[in-house]
Structure formats: C-alpha cells, structure tokens
Amino acid sequence: MPELHMSEAEIARDFAAALDKVVRHCVDVVVEHDHRPVAVLRAAVPPRRKVSEVLALMSNSSTATMDADFGHDVQVAIDAHRESIRYLSDEQRALT
C-alpha cells in the first residue's frame, strides 16, 4: 500500500485531510517526529474488490465465463493479484 509521510505538526494542523488520504485514497499515513516514524494511520478493514475490478485484472487469455464455475475463476484471479487495492492519482499511474 502506498505511504504518505507527514509530520506531527502537519497531522495536528489538518487531521481531516490525513484521514481522507486513508479512507478515500487507500494510503497509509506515517506520522513522523523529528523525521522518525512514530505511528501509522491505516484503514481498519482493507477495501474489497468489486467484481468489475476482479474482471479487469484477469488476463486477456483468461477463459473465465459467467457460468457455474465463475466463482472459482474469480477466486483464481483474486489469488493471482493479492496486492493492495489502491486508487492511484494520475501522477502515480504514470510511474507504474
């Protein structure tokens, strides 16, 4: 999961903005004191993927179809992509 490092002063000045990063942008916020990490704000429950997100992760060569085995096919795709769900900014997308 991506991290955002913020000082104690930045957190104190705008806690709502830091929490927004955690909740809406799936970013772990690392709180620093004297440039050392002292705490981490992260979502209590990781976000879940929608079926459309799972389907988007499936390779073009996938033979998955909406049949009786679809649930198994989805689980195979999920297991193949265990990385964190994150919503990337345009700048972050350009780096990937």
Foldseek 3Di string as FASTA:
>chain_A
DAEAEDEPVVCVVCVVVVVCCQPVFVYKYFYDDPNHGDDIDHDPDADDDDVVRLVVQDDPPDPADPDPCNVVSSVVSCVVDVDGDGDDDPVVVVVD
